[in-house]
C-alpha atoms as a PDB file:
ATOM      1  CA  GLY A   1      -0.001  -0.001  -0.001  1.00  0.00           C
ATOM      2  CA  PHE A   2       0.796   3.673   0.044  1.00  0.00           C
ATOM      3  CA  GLN A   3       3.400   4.798   2.604  1.00  0.00           C
ATOM      4  CA  GLY A   4       3.851   8.482   3.404  1.00  0.00           C
ATOM      5  CA  ASN A   5       1.815  11.639   3.557  1.00  0.00           C
ATOM      6  CA  LEU A   6      -0.977  12.685   1.281  1.00  0.00           C
ATOM      7  CA  VAL A   7      -0.490  16.213  -0.081  1.00  0.00           C
ATOM      8  CA  MET A   8      -3.440  18.031  -1.670  1.00  0.00           C
ATOM      9  CA  LEU A   9      -2.684  19.885  -4.909  1.00  0.00           C
ATOM     10  CA  ASP A  10      -5.699  22.184  -5.025  1.00  0.00           C
ATOM     11  CA  GLY A  11      -8.068  23.837  -2.583  1.00  0.00           C
ATOM     12  CA  GLU A  12      -7.417  26.577  -0.028  1.00  0.00           C
ATOM     13  CA  ALA A  13      -4.648  24.621   1.787  1.00  0.00           C
ATOM     14  CA  GLY A  14      -3.367  22.860  -1.350  1.00  0.00           C
ATOM     15  CA  LEU A  15       0.077  23.154  -2.862  1.00  0.00           C
ATOM     16  CA  GLU A  16      -1.133  25.336  -5.760  1.00  0.00           C
ATOM     17  CA  ILE A  17      -2.266  28.099  -3.388  1.00  0.00           C
ATOM     18  CA  LEU A  18       0.670  27.738  -0.978  1.00  0.00           C
ATOM     19  CA  VAL A  19       3.277  27.959  -3.744  1.00  0.00           C
ATOM     20  CA  GLU A  20       1.454  30.814  -5.500  1.00  0.00           C
ATOM     21  CA  ARG A  21       1.406  32.806  -2.241  1.00  0.00           C
ATOM     22  CA  GLY A  22       5.027  31.956  -1.438  1.00  0.00           C
ATOM     23  CA  ARG A  23       4.112  29.972   1.672  1.00  0.00           C
ATOM     24  CA  GLY A  24       5.647  26.756   2.845  1.00  0.00           C
ATOM     25  CA  LEU A  25       4.164  23.607   4.349  1.00  0.00           C
ATOM     26  CA  THR A  26       5.072  21.556   7.414  1.00  0.00           C
ATOM     27  CA  ILE A  27       5.092  17.802   6.811  1.00  0.00           C
ATOM     28  CA  GLU A  28       5.859  15.469   9.739  1.00  0.00           C
ATOM     29  CA  GLY A  29       7.325  18.347  11.730  1.00  0.00           C
ATOM     30  CA  LYS A  30       9.683  19.513   8.964  1.00  0.00           C
ATOM     31  CA  HIS A  31       9.024  22.854   7.270  1.00  0.00           C
ATOM     32  CA  HIS A  32       9.320  22.946   3.458  1.00  0.00           C
ATOM     33  CA  THR A  33       9.585  26.343   1.732  1.00  0.00           C
ATOM     34  CA  ALA A  34       7.536  27.240  -1.348  1.00  0.00           C
ATOM     35  CA  GLN A  35      10.673  26.622  -3.440  1.00  0.00           C
ATOM     36  CA  ASP A  36      11.151  23.172  -1.815  1.00  0.00           C
ATOM     37  CA  LEU A  37       7.544  22.358  -2.696  1.00  0.00           C
ATOM     38  CA  THR A  38       8.021  23.551  -6.279  1.00  0.00           C
ATOM     39  CA  ASP A  39      11.224  21.511  -6.649  1.00  0.00           C
ATOM     40  CA  THR A  40       9.561  18.373  -5.262  1.00  0.00           C
ATOM     41  CA  PHE A  41       6.067  18.622  -6.737  1.00  0.00           C
ATOM     42  CA  GLY A  42       6.653  20.890  -9.751  1.00  0.00           C
ATOM     43  CA  ASP A  43       5.588  18.266 -12.288  1.00  0.00           C
ATOM     44  CA  TRP A  44       2.111  18.198 -10.722  1.00  0.00           C
ATOM     45  CA  LEU A  45       1.643  21.940 -10.281  1.00  0.00           C
ATOM     46  CA  VAL A  46       0.007  24.211 -12.853  1.00  0.00           C
ATOM     47  CA  PRO A  47       2.798  25.851 -14.886  1.00  0.00           C
ATOM     48  CA  ARG A  48       3.327  29.561 -14.255  1.00  0.00           C
ATOM     49  CA  ASN A  49       5.550  32.357 -15.545  1.00  0.00           C
ATOM     50  CA  LEU A  50       6.902  33.024 -19.010  1.00  0.00           C
ATOM     51  CA  ARG A  51       8.718  30.452 -21.162  1.00  0.00           C
ATOM     52  CA  GLU A  52      10.951  30.822 -24.237  1.00  0.00           C
ATOM     53  CA  TRP A  53       8.319  29.346 -26.594  1.00  0.00           C
ATOM     54  CA  TYR A  54       4.856  27.749 -26.601  1.00  0.00           C
ATOM     55  CA  HIS A  55       3.045  25.027 -28.440  1.00  0.00           C
ATOM     56  CA  VAL A  56      -0.282  26.855 -27.954  1.00  0.00           C
ATOM     57  CA  PHE A  57      -1.198  30.520 -27.368  1.00  0.00           C
ATOM     58  CA  ILE A  58      -4.765  30.981 -26.046  1.00  0.00           C
ATOM     59  CA  SER A  59      -6.374  34.359 -26.754  1.00  0.00           C
ATOM     60  CA  TYR A  60      -9.663  35.411 -25.091  1.00  0.00           C
ATOM     61  CA  ARG A  61     -11.628  38.225 -23.471  1.00  0.00           C
ATOM     62  CA  GLN A  62     -11.380  38.021 -19.680  1.00  0.00           C
ATOM     63  CA  GLY A  63     -14.657  37.424 -17.882  1.00  0.00           C
ATOM     64  CA  GLY A  64     -17.648  35.170 -18.226  1.00  0.00           C
ATOM     65  CA  LEU A  65     -17.616  31.811 -19.904  1.00  0.00           C
ATOM     66  CA  ASP A  66     -14.553  32.712 -22.018  1.00  0.00           C
ATOM     67  CA  SER A  67     -12.367  32.807 -18.890  1.00  0.00           C
ATOM     68  CA  GLU A  68     -13.748  29.512 -17.592  1.00  0.00           C
ATOM     69  CA  LEU A  69     -13.330  27.657 -20.899  1.00  0.00           C
ATOM     70  CA  THR A  70      -9.837  28.965 -21.607  1.00  0.00           C
ATOM     71  CA  LEU A  71      -8.627  28.085 -18.108  1.00  0.00           C
ATOM     72  CA  GLN A  72      -9.926  24.530 -18.531  1.00  0.00           C
ATOM     73  CA  LEU A  73      -8.247  24.282 -21.947  1.00  0.00           C
ATOM     74  CA  PHE A  74      -4.979  25.564 -20.461  1.00  0.00           C
ATOM     75  CA  LEU A  75      -5.126  23.072 -17.579  1.00  0.00           C
ATOM     76  CA  MET A  76      -5.994  20.200 -19.901  1.00  0.00           C
ATOM     77  CA  LEU A  77      -3.201  21.033 -22.366  1.00  0.00           C
ATOM     78  CA  SER A  78      -0.689  21.533 -19.533  1.00  0.00           C
ATOM     79  CA  ASN A  79      -1.260  17.928 -18.472  1.00  0.00           C
ATOM     80  CA  GLU A  80      -0.481  16.524 -21.930  1.00  0.00           C
ATOM     81  CA  VAL A  81       2.828  15.678 -23.595  1.00  0.00           C
ATOM     82  CA  ASP A  82       4.058  16.175 -27.143  1.00  0.00           C
ATOM     83  CA  PRO A  83       5.457  13.363 -29.356  1.00  0.00           C
ATOM     84  CA  PHE A  84       8.873  13.853 -27.675  1.00  0.00           C
ATOM     85  CA  ASP A  85       7.447  13.265 -24.171  1.00  0.00           C
ATOM     86  CA  GLU A  86       7.814  16.947 -23.279  1.00  0.00           C
ATOM     87  CA  ALA A  87       5.032  18.768 -21.473  1.00  0.00           C
ATOM     88  CA  ILE A  88       2.779  20.824 -23.751  1.00  0.00           C
ATOM     89  CA  ARG A  89       3.604  24.490 -23.255  1.00  0.00           C
ATOM     90  CA  ALA A  90       0.412  26.513 -23.280  1.00  0.00           C
ATOM     91  CA  PHE A  91       0.172  30.289 -22.853  1.00  0.00           C
ATOM     92  CA  LEU A  92      -2.753  31.792 -20.973  1.00  0.00           C
ATOM     93  CA  ASP A  93      -2.099  35.343 -19.801  1.00  0.00           C
ATOM     94  CA  ARG A  94      -3.426  34.978 -16.250  1.00  0.00           C
ATOM     95  CA  GLN A  95      -1.243  31.899 -15.730  1.00  0.00           C
ATOM     96  CA  ARG A  96       1.932  33.104 -17.435  1.00  0.00           C
ATOM     97  CA  LEU A  97       2.233  36.898 -17.241  1.00  0.00           C
ATOM     98  CA  GLU A  98       4.270  38.256 -14.355  1.00  0.00           C
ATOM     99  CA  LYS A  99       3.486  41.304 -12.224  1.00  0.00           C
ATOM    100  CA  GLY A 100       5.678  44.331 -12.781  1.00  0.00           C
ATOM    101  CA  ARG A 101       6.458  43.493 -16.412  1.00  0.00           C
ATOM    102  CA  ASN A 102       5.064  45.081 -19.594  1.00  0.00           C
ATOM    103  CA  PHE A 103       1.854  43.173 -20.375  1.00  0.00           C
ATOM    104  CA  ARG A 104       1.719  43.996 -24.097  1.00  0.00           C
ATOM    105  CA  ASP A 105       5.383  43.236 -24.722  1.00  0.00           C
ATOM    106  CA  ASP A 106       5.167  39.896 -22.914  1.00  0.00           C
ATOM    107  CA  PHE A 107       1.984  38.628 -24.575  1.00  0.00           C
ATOM    108  CA  SER A 108       3.226  39.815 -27.988  1.00  0.00           C
ATOM    109  CA  GLU A 109       6.575  38.048 -27.600  1.00  0.00           C
ATOM    110  CA  SER A 110       4.815  34.925 -26.304  1.00  0.00           C
ATOM    111  CA  LEU A 111       2.519  34.911 -29.329  1.00  0.00           C
ATOM    112  CA  MET A 112       5.462  35.410 -31.711  1.00  0.00           C
ATOM    113  CA  ASP A 113       7.111  32.362 -30.145  1.00  0.00           C
ATOM    114  CA  SER A 114       4.069  30.082 -30.461  1.00  0.00           C
ATOM    115  CA  TRP A 115       3.311  27.305 -32.924  1.00  0.00           C
ATOM    116  CA  LEU A 116      -0.497  27.430 -32.683  1.00  0.00           C
ATOM    117  CA  ALA A 117      -2.822  30.324 -31.867  1.00  0.00           C
ATOM    118  CA  VAL A 118      -6.275  29.557 -30.434  1.00  0.00           C
ATOM    119  CA  PRO A 119      -8.367  32.742 -30.352  1.00  0.00           C
ATOM    120  CA  PHE A 120     -11.739  32.430 -28.607  1.00  0.00           C
ATOM    121  CA  VAL A 121     -13.951  34.487 -30.920  1.00  0.00           C
ATOM    122  CA  SER A 122     -17.081  34.886 -28.855  1.00  0.00           C
ATOM    123  CA  ALA A 123     -20.072  37.181 -28.720  1.00  0.00           C
ATOM    124  CA  TYR A 124     -18.695  38.272 -25.337  1.00  0.00           C
ATOM    125  CA  ALA A 125     -15.267  39.108 -26.826  1.00  0.00           C
ATOM    126  CA  LEU A 126     -16.801  40.980 -29.772  1.00  0.00           C
ATOM    127  CA  ARG A 127     -19.229  43.058 -27.664  1.00  0.00           C
ATOM    128  CA  ARG A 128     -16.565  45.553 -26.518  1.00  0.00           C
ATOM    129  CA  MET A 129     -15.107  45.832 -30.012  1.00  0.00           C
ATOM    130  CA  GLN A 130     -18.440  47.083 -31.395  1.00  0.00           C
ATOM    131  CA  SER A 131     -18.128  50.334 -29.466  1.00  0.00           C
ATOM    132  CA  LEU A 132     -14.491  51.119 -30.304  1.00  0.00           C
ATOM    133  CA  THR A 133     -13.700  54.478 -31.885  1.00  0.00           C
ATOM    134  CA  ALA A 134     -10.481  56.069 -33.131  1.00  0.00           C
ATOM    135  CA  GLY A 135     -10.056  57.624 -29.677  1.00  0.00           C
ATOM    136  CA  SER A 136     -10.686  54.413 -27.727  1.00  0.00           C
ATOM    137  CA  GLU A 137      -8.068  52.875 -25.486  1.00  0.00           C
ATOM    138  CA  CYS A 138      -6.247  49.927 -27.073  1.00  0.00           C
ATOM    139  CA  ASP A 139      -8.295  46.725 -26.968  1.00  0.00           C
ATOM    140  CA  ASN A 140      -5.801  43.981 -26.097  1.00  0.00           C
ATOM    141  CA  VAL A 141      -7.957  41.197 -27.533  1.00  0.00           C
ATOM    142  CA  LEU A 142      -8.245  42.989 -30.873  1.00  0.00           C
ATOM    143  CA  LEU A 143      -4.493  43.623 -30.737  1.00  0.00           C
ATOM    144  CA  GLU A 144      -3.856  39.884 -30.165  1.00  0.00           C
ATOM    145  CA  TRP A 145      -6.159  38.881 -33.037  1.00  0.00           C
ATOM    146  CA  THR A 146      -4.550  41.397 -35.390  1.00  0.00           C
ATOM    147  CA  LEU A 147      -1.101  40.176 -34.384  1.00  0.00           C
ATOM    148  CA  ILE A 148      -2.186  36.556 -34.993  1.00  0.00           C
ATOM    149  CA  LEU A 149      -3.219  37.441 -38.558  1.00  0.00           C
ATOM    150  CA  GLU A 150       0.031  39.334 -39.210  1.00  0.00           C
ATOM    151  CA  LEU A 151       2.179  36.545 -37.768  1.00  0.00           C
ATOM    152  CA  MET A 152       0.341  33.923 -39.810  1.00  0.00           C
ATOM    153  CA  ALA A 153       0.785  35.972 -42.994  1.00  0.00           C
ATOM    154  CA  SER A 154       4.532  36.204 -42.303  1.00  0.00           C
ATOM    155  CA  GLY A 155       4.791  32.482 -41.473  1.00  0.00           C
ATOM    156  CA  ARG A 156       5.946  33.128 -37.895  1.00  0.00           C
ATOM    157  CA  VAL A 157       2.874  31.459 -36.340  1.00  0.00           C
ATOM    158  CA  PRO A 158       2.088  28.543 -38.649  1.00  0.00           C
ATOM    159  CA  HIS A 159      -1.308  27.467 -37.286  1.00  0.00           C
ATOM    160  CA  CYS A 160      -4.522  29.007 -35.964  1.00  0.00           C
ATOM    161  CA  ILE A 161      -7.665  27.268 -34.753  1.00  0.00           C
ATOM    162  CA  PRO A 162     -10.311  29.809 -33.733  1.00  0.00           C
ATOM    163  CA  VAL A 163     -13.013  28.709 -31.301  1.00  0.00           C
ATOM    164  CA  MET A 164     -16.327  30.391 -32.171  1.00  0.00           C
ATOM    165  CA  LEU A 165     -18.845  30.932 -29.351  1.00  0.00           C
ATOM    166  CA  GLY A 166     -22.201  32.665 -29.557  1.00  0.00           C
ATOM    167  CA  HIS A 167     -24.091  34.315 -26.718  1.00  0.00           C
ATOM    168  CA  GLU A 168     -24.186  32.448 -23.425  1.00  0.00           C
ATOM    169  CA  GLU A 169     -27.497  30.685 -23.005  1.00  0.00           C
ATOM    170  CA  PRO A 170     -29.485  30.790 -19.766  1.00  0.00           C
ATOM    171  CA  GLU A 171     -28.151  28.309 -17.226  1.00  0.00           C
ATOM    172  CA  GLY A 172     -31.262  26.157 -17.470  1.00  0.00           C
ATOM    173  CA  GLY A 173     -30.719  25.613 -21.195  1.00  0.00           C
ATOM    174  CA  LEU A 174     -27.857  23.220 -20.597  1.00  0.00           C
ATOM    175  CA  LYS A 175     -29.798  21.193 -18.028  1.00  0.00           C
ATOM    176  CA  GLU A 176     -32.687  20.795 -20.444  1.00  0.00           C
ATOM    177  CA  GLY A 177     -30.429  19.385 -23.159  1.00  0.00           C
ATOM    178  CA  GLY A 178     -29.815  22.773 -24.763  1.00  0.00           C
ATOM    179  CA  ALA A 179     -26.520  24.367 -25.736  1.00  0.00           C
ATOM    180  CA  LEU A 180     -24.211  26.228 -23.346  1.00  0.00           C
ATOM    181  CA  VAL A 181     -23.678  28.907 -26.000  1.00  0.00           C
ATOM    182  CA  GLY A 182     -25.670  29.913 -29.046  1.00  0.00           C
ATOM    183  CA  ASN A 183     -24.628  30.215 -32.679  1.00  0.00           C
ATOM    184  CA  LEU A 184     -22.217  33.123 -33.115  1.00  0.00           C
ATOM    185  CA  PHE A 185     -23.623  33.844 -36.588  1.00  0.00           C
ATOM    186  CA  ALA A 186     -27.321  33.698 -35.682  1.00  0.00           C
ATOM    187  CA  LYS A 187     -29.168  36.975 -35.279  1.00  0.00           C
END
């Protein structure tokens, strides 16, 4: 049988939260720092911080269903391996970007160093774009999508698989066998 201590990965007292907050954990009377925990359990923790390159760059509008779906995609991809038995490197801004650094520079460089772009083109993401004017503040999602098109045209990002999502349906729709989101192209 199993010998040793059981360590929870998620939840309020789980390793994910402790490491993210820079806290340690005492196991059998011995204190382990956040770095000790990362060194020991790093393969099981959600990847954070910037990398040199990515297999997949996920682009989305923060909030609503888009945030939930993209986080699940990121977590699912991060638990997979490529044909060379290397962990899939996925970019999701809220998991990879670091505080105190230039957001636009970092997401742009990450996108330029990606093999596949996955923009979530949703009714939610498009809603803000409909009200943009020449004097509007820069829309980062529109900037990402424009950069994806430019990088594809130049051959720097070879692949793009957009995920199209319509308006979110009422919560009861899913329980009654309906769709979670509607048709993006329906009026």
